[in-house]
N, C-alpha and C. Protein backbone atom coordinates (compact mmCIF):
# COMPACT_ATOMS: atom_id res chain seq x y z
N UNK A 1 0.70 -1.45 -0.03
CA UNK A 1 0.62 -0.26 0.19
C UNK A 1 1.45 1.10 -0.31
N UNK A 2 1.22 2.05 -0.82
CA UNK A 2 1.54 3.72 -1.11
C UNK A 2 1.16 3.96 0.72
N UNK A 3 2.90 5.11 0.46
CA UNK A 3 1.34 5.97 1.67
C UNK A 3 2.93 7.68 1.70
N UNK A 4 2.42 8.30 1.99
CA UNK A 4 2.39 9.73 1.83
C UNK A 4 3.22 9.43 3.14
N UNK A 5 5.21 10.28 2.93
CA UNK A 5 5.65 10.64 4.88
C UNK A 5 6.08 12.46 3.92
N UNK A 6 5.64 12.78 4.69
CA UNK A 6 5.19 13.79 4.93
C UNK A 6 6.53 15.34 5.76
N UNK A 7 7.50 15.40 5.81
CA UNK A 7 8.04 16.76 6.56
C UNK A 7 8.51 17.80 6.35
N UNK A 8 7.87 19.11 8.22
CA UNK A 8 7.82 19.85 7.55
C UNK A 8 8.57 20.63 7.92
N UNK A 9 9.13 21.22 6.97
CA UNK A 9 10.46 21.79 7.98
C UNK A 9 10.61 23.97 8.22
N UNK A 10 11.31 24.22 8.65
CA UNK A 10 11.78 25.77 8.52
C UNK A 10 12.84 26.44 7.46
N UNK A 11 12.84 24.98 6.96
CA UNK A 11 13.99 25.72 6.19
C UNK A 11 13.81 26.95 5.01
N UNK A 12 12.36 27.23 4.42
CA UNK A 12 11.69 28.41 3.21
C UNK A 12 11.01 28.57 3.81
N UNK A 13 11.26 29.11 5.08
CA UNK A 13 10.38 30.09 5.67
C UNK A 13 10.89 31.44 6.43
N UNK A 14 10.41 32.10 6.77
CA UNK A 14 10.46 33.64 6.95
C UNK A 14 11.17 33.42 8.76
N UNK A 15 12.64 34.24 7.70
CA UNK A 15 13.23 34.15 9.34
C UNK A 15 13.16 33.27 10.15
N UNK A 16 13.79 31.73 9.42
CA UNK A 16 13.48 30.04 10.07
C UNK A 16 12.31 29.96 10.84
N UNK A 17 11.42 30.83 10.64
CA UNK A 17 9.74 30.35 11.66
C UNK A 17 9.70 29.01 11.41
N UNK A 18 8.64 28.74 10.63
CA UNK A 18 8.32 27.61 9.95
C UNK A 18 6.90 27.41 10.13
N UNK A 19 6.05 26.29 9.99
CA UNK A 19 4.79 27.35 9.56
C UNK A 19 4.27 27.10 11.44
N UNK A 20 3.07 26.91 11.79
CA UNK A 20 2.27 27.27 12.61
C UNK A 20 1.74 26.09 12.84
N UNK A 21 1.37 25.64 14.02
CA UNK A 21 0.60 24.65 14.33
C UNK A 21 -0.91 24.54 13.64
N UNK A 22 -0.97 25.51 13.50
CA UNK A 22 -3.02 25.49 12.47
C UNK A 22 -2.73 25.22 10.84
N UNK A 23 -1.40 25.63 10.20
CA UNK A 23 -0.48 25.16 8.86
C UNK A 23 -0.47 24.28 8.94
N UNK A 24 0.31 23.58 9.88
CA UNK A 24 0.83 22.54 9.71
C UNK A 24 -0.73 21.67 9.28
N UNK A 25 -1.72 21.83 10.77
CA UNK A 25 -1.82 20.75 10.71
C UNK A 25 -3.21 20.90 8.98
N UNK A 26 -3.83 21.87 8.79
CA UNK A 26 -3.86 22.23 7.75
C UNK A 26 -3.61 21.38 6.67
N UNK A 27 -2.15 21.55 6.17
CA UNK A 27 -1.58 19.89 5.31
C UNK A 27 -1.54 19.08 4.97
N UNK A 28 -1.99 18.23 6.68
CA UNK A 28 -2.70 17.48 6.81
C UNK A 28 -3.14 16.77 7.08
N UNK A 29 -4.36 17.62 6.96
CA UNK A 29 -5.58 17.40 7.15
C UNK A 29 -6.30 17.48 5.32
N UNK A 30 -5.67 18.16 4.63
CA UNK A 30 -5.32 18.01 3.28
C UNK A 30 -4.97 17.76 2.33
N UNK A 31 -4.16 16.94 2.90
CA UNK A 31 -3.25 15.82 1.34
C UNK A 31 -3.91 14.79 1.51
N UNK A 32 -5.23 14.06 1.86
CA UNK A 32 -5.67 12.82 1.77
C UNK A 32 -6.41 12.93 0.54
N UNK A 33 -7.04 13.74 0.43
CA UNK A 33 -8.19 13.57 -1.04
C UNK A 33 -6.88 13.63 -2.48
N UNK A 34 -6.23 14.47 -2.42
CA UNK A 34 -5.68 14.39 -4.17
C UNK A 34 -4.49 13.15 -3.39
N UNK A 35 -3.53 12.63 -2.81
CA UNK A 35 -2.82 11.17 -2.28
C UNK A 35 -3.82 10.76 -3.37
N UNK A 36 -5.52 11.00 -2.75
CA UNK A 36 -5.97 9.22 -2.52
C UNK A 36 -6.31 9.00 -4.94
N UNK A 37 -6.69 10.80 -5.04
CA UNK A 37 -6.41 10.53 -6.51
C UNK A 37 -5.91 10.62 -7.23
N UNK A 38 -4.81 10.07 -6.71
CA UNK A 38 -3.41 9.99 -7.03
C UNK A 38 -3.21 8.47 -7.03
N UNK A 39 -2.68 7.94 -6.47
CA UNK A 39 -2.35 6.96 -5.55
C UNK A 39 -3.75 6.49 -5.36
N UNK A 40 -4.35 5.48 -6.34
CA UNK A 40 -5.44 4.98 -5.98
C UNK A 40 -5.18 4.12 -5.00
């Protein structure tokens, strides 16, 4: 079964701040739908 490994880093963020917890949660919550369309 395919899986997705999502790694959120601070490298590309302004001043190395990284995403806020709410932003990370939105990324994780929004990932399954497109992944299921691509990886049936």
